Every structure is written in structure tokens, then in C-alpha cells.
Protein backbone atom coordinates (compact mmCIF):
# COMPACT_ATOMS: atom_id res chain seq x y z
CA MET A 1 134.64 77.61 103.64
CA GLY A 2 135.07 79.62 107.16
CA ALA A 3 136.31 82.31 105.04
CA ALA A 4 133.54 82.78 103.21
CA TYR A 5 131.03 82.10 105.86
CA HIS A 6 132.50 84.92 107.80
CA LEU A 7 132.63 87.20 104.50
CA GLY A 8 128.67 86.27 104.30
CA ALA A 9 127.75 86.98 107.59
CA TRP A 10 129.50 90.57 107.32
CA ILE A 11 127.80 91.38 104.27
CA ALA A 12 124.24 90.16 105.59
CA LEU A 13 125.28 92.82 108.94
CA ALA A 14 126.27 95.65 106.37
CA GLY A 15 123.08 95.16 104.64
CA VAL A 16 120.87 95.36 107.75
CA PRO A 17 121.11 99.25 107.91
CA ALA A 18 120.11 99.31 104.57
CA LEU A 19 116.93 97.12 104.94
CA LEU A 20 115.50 99.24 108.04
CA THR A 21 116.11 101.86 106.18
CA ILE A 22 113.94 101.00 103.24
CA ASP A 23 111.45 99.11 105.93
CA ALA A 24 111.21 102.80 107.47
CA LEU A 25 110.08 104.31 104.18
CA MET A 26 107.69 101.63 103.02
CA GLY A 27 106.45 101.96 106.59
CA LEU A 28 105.48 105.89 105.56
CA ALA A 29 102.29 104.25 103.93
CA TYR A 30 101.89 100.96 105.95
CA ARG A 31 99.08 100.36 108.51
CA THR A 32 98.52 104.63 109.05
CA ASN A 33 95.25 103.88 110.46
CA THR A 34 95.54 105.67 113.97
CA ILE A 35 91.87 105.06 115.12
CA SER A 36 91.27 102.73 117.87
CA ASP A 37 87.81 100.80 117.30
CA VAL A 38 85.21 99.84 120.27
CA LYS A 39 82.82 96.51 120.20
CA VAL A 40 80.45 95.96 122.65
CA ILE A 41 79.15 92.63 123.97
CA SER A 42 75.85 92.68 124.87
CA SER A 43 74.98 90.90 128.54
CA ARG A 44 72.94 87.82 128.29
CA SER A 45 70.11 88.60 129.91
CA GLY A 46 69.17 91.91 127.80
CA LYS A 47 70.01 94.07 130.25
CA THR A 48 72.90 95.40 131.52
CA HIS A 49 73.54 96.42 135.27
CA ARG A 50 77.37 96.06 134.91
CA ALA A 51 79.57 97.47 132.32
CA VAL A 52 83.05 95.76 132.41
CA VAL A 53 85.26 97.99 129.99
CA ILE A 54 88.32 96.12 128.87
CA PHE A 55 91.70 97.89 127.85
CA PRO A 56 94.13 94.57 126.61
CA GLY A 57 97.50 94.44 126.69
CA TYR A 58 100.66 95.20 124.57
CA VAL A 59 99.74 93.82 121.17
CA MET A 60 96.72 92.14 122.48
CA SER A 61 93.66 91.63 120.47
CA GLY A 62 90.79 93.22 122.65
CA SER A 63 88.07 91.54 120.38
CA THR A 64 89.63 88.05 121.05
CA VAL A 65 89.76 88.76 124.89
CA GLY A 66 86.40 90.01 125.28
CA GLN A 67 84.99 86.85 123.41
CA ALA A 68 86.70 84.67 125.62
CA PHE A 69 85.61 86.18 128.49
CA ALA A 70 82.09 86.77 127.92
CA PRO A 71 80.99 83.34 128.30
CA TYR A 72 82.02 83.56 132.32
CA VAL A 73 80.72 87.02 133.51
CA ALA A 74 77.43 87.81 134.78
CA ASP A 75 73.96 87.64 133.16
CA ASN A 76 74.11 91.20 133.04
CA ASP A 77 77.62 92.54 132.57
CA GLY A 78 78.05 93.50 129.06
CA ILE A 79 81.38 93.84 128.14
CA VAL A 80 83.15 97.24 125.93
CA VAL A 81 86.59 96.52 124.50
CA VAL A 82 88.96 98.37 123.16
CA ASN A 83 91.32 97.55 119.91
CA TYR A 84 94.11 99.57 119.65
CA ALA A 85 94.88 101.33 116.29
CA GLN A 86 97.28 100.03 113.77
CA ARG A 87 99.53 102.70 115.06
CA GLY A 88 99.53 104.94 118.57
CA VAL A 89 97.12 104.78 121.59
CA ASN A 90 95.59 107.66 121.45
CA VAL A 91 93.73 108.46 125.23
CA PRO A 92 91.15 111.08 124.67
CA GLN A 93 90.02 108.81 121.28
CA ILE A 94 89.68 106.33 123.30
CA TYR A 95 87.81 107.87 126.15
CA GLY A 96 85.51 109.55 123.73
CA LYS A 97 84.60 105.45 122.25
CA VAL A 98 84.37 104.22 125.27
CA MET A 99 81.82 106.63 126.77
CA SER A 100 79.67 106.14 123.51
CA ALA A 101 79.50 102.64 124.04
CA LEU A 102 78.53 103.11 127.86
CA GLN A 103 75.93 105.49 126.98
CA THR A 104 74.46 102.44 124.66
CA LEU A 105 74.43 100.01 127.46
CA ARG A 106 73.43 102.52 130.42
CA PRO A 107 74.97 100.28 133.45
CA VAL A 108 74.42 101.18 136.94
CA GLU A 109 78.06 99.90 137.80
CA VAL A 110 81.25 100.33 135.64
CA ARG A 111 84.48 97.96 136.24
CA ILE A 112 87.63 98.93 134.43
CA TYR A 113 90.02 96.02 133.83
CA GLY A 114 93.42 97.26 132.59
CA ALA A 115 96.03 93.84 131.52
CA SER A 116 99.42 95.05 131.60
CA MET A 117 99.85 98.13 128.95
CA GLY A 118 95.82 98.08 129.39
CA GLY A 119 96.38 99.37 133.31
CA MET A 120 98.52 102.41 132.13
CA VAL A 121 95.84 103.33 129.23
CA SER A 122 92.85 102.84 132.00
CA LYS A 123 94.92 105.04 134.52
CA LEU A 124 94.72 107.72 132.25
CA PHE A 125 91.20 107.18 130.87
CA LEU A 126 90.43 107.31 134.78
CA ASP A 127 92.31 111.28 134.66
CA ARG A 128 89.54 112.13 131.58
CA TYR A 129 86.70 110.54 133.22
CA ARG A 130 87.10 112.34 136.39
CA GLN A 131 87.65 116.06 134.16
CA ASP A 132 84.23 114.68 133.13
CA HIS A 133 82.87 114.48 136.62
CA ALA A 134 82.91 110.76 136.88
CA PRO A 135 79.65 110.42 134.77
CA TYR A 136 78.98 106.82 136.59
CA GLY A 137 80.18 107.75 139.76
CA LYS A 138 83.41 106.05 141.29
CA VAL A 139 84.24 102.88 139.60
CA THR A 140 86.31 99.66 140.46
CA LEU A 141 89.87 99.32 138.84
CA ILE A 142 90.84 95.69 137.99
CA LEU A 143 95.31 96.13 137.01
CA ASP A 144 96.49 92.47 135.86
CA SER A 145 99.86 92.48 135.96
CA VAL A 146 100.58 95.94 135.29
CA PRO A 147 103.78 97.74 135.58
CA ALA A 148 104.13 101.19 137.11
CA GLY A 149 106.23 102.23 134.16
CA LYS A 150 108.90 101.60 131.83
CA ALA A 151 111.23 100.94 134.08
CA TYR A 152 109.03 97.94 135.84
CA VAL A 153 109.49 96.26 132.49
CA LYS A 154 112.05 93.90 132.48
CA ARG A 155 113.49 94.41 129.15
CA PRO A 156 115.59 97.11 128.08
CA ALA A 157 115.37 100.84 127.92
CA PHE A 158 116.80 101.52 124.82
CA LEU A 159 113.57 98.98 123.04
CA PHE A 160 111.34 101.65 124.21
CA GLN A 161 113.42 104.78 123.06
CA LEU A 162 113.66 102.84 119.82
CA GLY A 163 109.66 102.45 119.65
CA CYS A 164 109.53 106.37 119.19
CA LEU A 165 112.00 106.43 116.52
CA PHE A 166 111.01 103.36 114.39
CA ARG A 167 108.31 103.90 112.25
CA GLY A 168 107.93 100.04 111.17
CA GLY A 169 107.00 98.67 108.10
CA PRO A 170 106.56 95.36 106.66
CA LEU A 171 109.27 93.75 106.25
CA THR A 172 109.83 94.33 110.00
CA SER A 173 106.29 92.84 110.63
CA ALA A 174 106.69 89.97 108.45
CA LEU A 175 109.95 89.13 110.59
CA TRP A 176 107.75 89.83 113.75
CA ALA A 177 105.77 87.64 112.61
CA ALA A 178 108.02 84.54 111.66
CA ALA A 179 109.82 85.20 115.38
CA ASP A 180 106.56 85.27 116.93
CA GLY A 181 106.56 81.31 115.80
CA PHE A 182 109.85 80.66 118.00
CA VAL A 183 108.14 81.86 121.19
CA ALA A 184 106.80 79.72 123.84
CA LYS A 185 103.13 80.15 124.34
CA PRO A 186 101.38 78.99 127.26
CA PRO A 187 98.91 75.67 128.17
CA ALA A 188 95.71 75.67 127.42
CA GLY A 189 92.74 75.77 130.09
CA LYS A 190 90.21 73.16 129.77
CA ASP A 191 87.66 76.08 129.40
CA ALA A 192 89.06 77.92 126.90
CA SER A 193 88.32 78.31 123.04
CA PRO A 194 90.47 76.49 120.42
CA ASP A 195 89.03 79.08 117.83
CA ILE A 196 89.44 82.24 119.83
CA ILE A 197 93.08 81.26 120.93
CA ARG A 198 94.13 80.42 117.08
CA ALA A 199 92.43 84.06 116.60
CA ALA A 200 94.53 85.87 119.59
CA ARG A 201 98.00 84.12 118.31
CA ARG A 202 97.14 85.08 114.81
CA ALA A 203 96.61 88.75 115.52
CA GLY A 204 99.44 89.09 118.19
CA ALA A 205 101.88 87.66 115.47
CA TRP A 206 100.29 90.03 112.70
CA VAL A 207 100.01 92.96 114.89
CA GLY A 208 102.57 94.92 112.51
CA THR A 209 105.75 96.83 113.97
CA PRO A 210 103.99 100.20 113.55
CA ALA A 211 101.71 99.14 116.45
CA ALA A 212 104.54 97.33 118.29
CA THR A 213 106.71 100.17 118.46
CA SER A 214 104.13 103.03 118.95
CA GLN A 215 102.60 100.88 121.94
CA ALA A 216 105.97 100.63 123.67
CA CYS A 217 106.83 104.52 122.87
CA PHE A 218 103.70 104.65 124.73
CA ILE A 219 104.91 102.96 127.37
CA SER A 220 107.90 104.70 127.45
CA LYS A 221 106.09 107.72 127.57
CA PHE A 222 103.72 107.08 130.75
CA GLY A 223 104.37 109.18 134.08
CA LEU A 224 105.03 108.82 137.07
CA LEU A 225 102.25 107.91 139.54
CA ARG A 226 101.28 110.14 142.44
CA GLU A 227 99.90 109.69 145.75
CA ASP A 228 96.69 108.78 146.45
CA GLU A 229 95.43 110.43 142.56
CA LEU A 230 92.96 107.96 141.78
CA VAL A 231 90.92 107.96 145.17
CA ASP A 232 88.27 110.07 144.26
CA VAL A 233 87.51 108.09 141.06
CA VAL A 234 87.89 104.53 141.87
CA GLN A 235 85.70 102.92 144.95
CA LYS A 236 87.74 100.01 144.78
CA THR A 237 91.29 98.98 143.29
CA VAL A 238 92.34 94.92 142.89
CA TYR A 239 95.36 93.96 141.48
CA LEU A 240 95.55 90.70 139.92
CA GLN A 241 98.74 88.40 139.67
CA GLY A 242 100.08 84.56 138.82
CA ASN A 243 101.44 81.95 141.65
CA PRO A 244 104.41 83.18 142.18
CA PRO A 245 104.38 86.96 141.01
CA ASP A 246 107.94 87.19 140.96
CA ASP A 247 108.46 84.47 138.10
CA ASP A 248 106.02 86.68 135.58
CA PRO A 249 108.67 86.85 132.63
CA LEU A 250 107.83 90.88 131.37
CA VAL A 251 106.67 92.98 134.86
CA ARG A 252 108.09 93.62 138.23
CA ILE A 253 105.02 92.45 139.35
CA SER A 254 105.85 93.45 143.45
CA ASP A 255 107.65 96.40 142.85
CA SER A 256 104.72 97.42 140.47
CA ILE A 257 102.37 96.98 143.11
CA ALA A 258 103.88 99.03 145.54
CA GLU A 259 103.80 101.96 143.16
CA TRP A 260 100.29 101.30 142.45
CA ARG A 261 99.26 101.17 146.26
CA PHE A 262 101.04 104.64 146.59
CA ALA A 263 98.34 105.66 144.38
CA CYS A 264 95.33 103.52 145.40
CA ARG A 265 95.14 103.26 148.82
CA ASN A 266 92.46 100.69 148.90
CA LEU A 267 94.25 98.45 146.22
CA MET A 268 93.96 94.78 147.49
CA VAL A 269 96.25 91.99 145.48
CA VAL A 270 94.39 88.73 144.07
CA THR A 271 96.39 86.00 143.23
CA VAL A 272 94.46 84.18 140.04
CA PRO A 273 93.69 80.73 140.57
CA GLY A 274 95.69 78.00 138.60
CA ARG A 275 97.39 80.96 136.76
CA THR A 276 100.80 80.05 136.86
CA GLY A 277 103.20 82.97 137.24
CA ARG A 278 106.40 82.28 134.23
CA TRP A 279 102.85 83.34 131.86
CA HIS A 280 102.66 86.38 131.07
CA LEU A 281 98.62 86.68 130.82
CA PRO A 282 96.97 84.01 129.84
CA LEU A 283 93.79 85.69 129.42
CA VAL A 284 92.82 83.50 126.26
CA GLU A 285 94.17 80.19 127.44
CA PHE A 286 92.64 80.69 130.99
CA PRO A 287 89.38 83.07 130.56
CA ARG A 288 87.43 81.40 133.39
CA GLU A 289 89.76 82.43 135.62
CA THR A 290 90.60 85.54 134.77
CA ALA A 291 86.95 86.33 133.76
CA ARG A 292 85.56 85.43 137.90
CA ALA A 293 88.32 87.28 139.36
CA ILE A 294 87.40 90.74 137.44
CA THR A 295 83.51 90.43 138.36
CA ALA A 296 84.18 88.79 141.46
CA VAL A 297 81.19 90.47 143.77
CA GLY A 298 83.09 90.67 146.83
CA TYR A 299 85.52 93.64 146.18
């Protein structure tokens, strides 16, 4: 019995490279869309004074985050939210689509909200915003549990390198979805929508390994922050965190804050009320707390 079990285990392990090869070949024609999507949620008042641009986190559905936040922003706040492509994070393309959306809203003020990996995207977005002569003036930048690079993520470095090498296909996507069912999820707050939570979790489970690997590769290639490099396009920078921050399971929060402060000398740290540090970005589970932290007037 024991010998048969071990033989079966070795056969299974020997089959893994073959399965990955088949999956990679199938991945050449699986989820090849590289075009990001941008959604606009109009203000409740019908007139937009402030636009909140949302860059979601790793393998996160931007649409569900925008829907969750919408009831808790101000009446004259419009929301522009990014959904990353099935494969890859194309910042120039994202910039063009976000700016087109802002042209339709015509806001007086712009706030940029970057959640985890989305904070990295927002930094590169602002590099292009600078080149475009800052058409809406200096912005308020909200960084939420954002790593300052791959070294600030509590995951082995080889996983990011693997993301740049492996395209991902339908077999590993199915395994990703199956594994997600065993990952502990944060509890829902009293103001959360069960329907939005279900939609967000379903989207995250079935995002597909082409998105997961290419986004990991994007994180891997994010460059070092330079001293004061954002002060010319950012008037205020706020870093949101849970409590205690160093319990975050994915990001080295304290070290990341120190690095982001190097690039944004006026950085202010805000602990989101009611957010437990052991949960990384429970945005749709606690939308009111995060949305109010994003739109706080006193920044």
C-alpha cells in the first residue's frame, strides 16, 4: 500500500511539467486581451466637483470596488475606476482612458486612490500626468497598503520572476480558482453589500493566471522611488493602513511608508477606523470606512 502510494505520488509529480507545458501552450490563445477597461460612476448630484480615480490592487476587480464605494463618497464626487486587462498592465493605455473619462466629468479636483499594487500604477500614471503638464493641477494621492517595490511584499522573489516567464492558461486558472476557495476571507462589515462581495470574490477567483502572472511581473519591474519625485504633481499624500499595520499578511507596511515618504515628503499616515491589520485590503467588506478615509476633507 505504502509503495503504491509513493509510486503514485512520483507519477503525479512527474506529470506536473507536462501539464504546465500543455497549459502554457493553451495559454497562447487563452485570455489574450491586453486592453484595460475604465468605468465612470457619475455623482449623485449630477455635477462633479471632485473625481476619485481608483487603481485597484493585485487581481482585484475595479468595478466592484467602485460600486462598493459609490454610496459613501460625497454627492458631488464622481468615480473613475480601472479594470486591468486579462493580460498585462499597460500604463500608457490606462492613462489615456482615465484622462478621457476625466474630460467627460470635468472635475475641479482630482484624487488618486491606489490600493496595494494600484499605488504603483498610480505613481506611473502621475509620471505621465507630469509630462502632460498636470491638466487638473496638483492632485491628492491616497496610497492604501502600497508596497514600495517587490522587496516590500511578503512573498518569495522567485514568484515575481516566474510571473514574467509563465503566461498562464486555462488549467492553472482552474487551479487558481479552486485554491481560492481555501483562502480565509475577511468578515463583512454591517454596511457591506453581500452581492458586491460575492461578485468581487468570484472575479478574484476567476481572474485567470494570465492576469495573475502578468501583474506579478509588473510588480517585479517597478523601479526604485526617487527623493521628492512626486512633489511637483501631488499637493498632499495620504497612506492608509490597518491596525496594527505590521500584521498585514502581504505588505511590509512600515518599511513601505518610509520609502514612499522619501518620494512624497508631505506624506500623512492614516489608520482606517475599524480595519484589522491582519486583513490585506478588505475594501468591499468595509466600504464605508475606506471611502470616507479617501474623501476626508481635512487632507
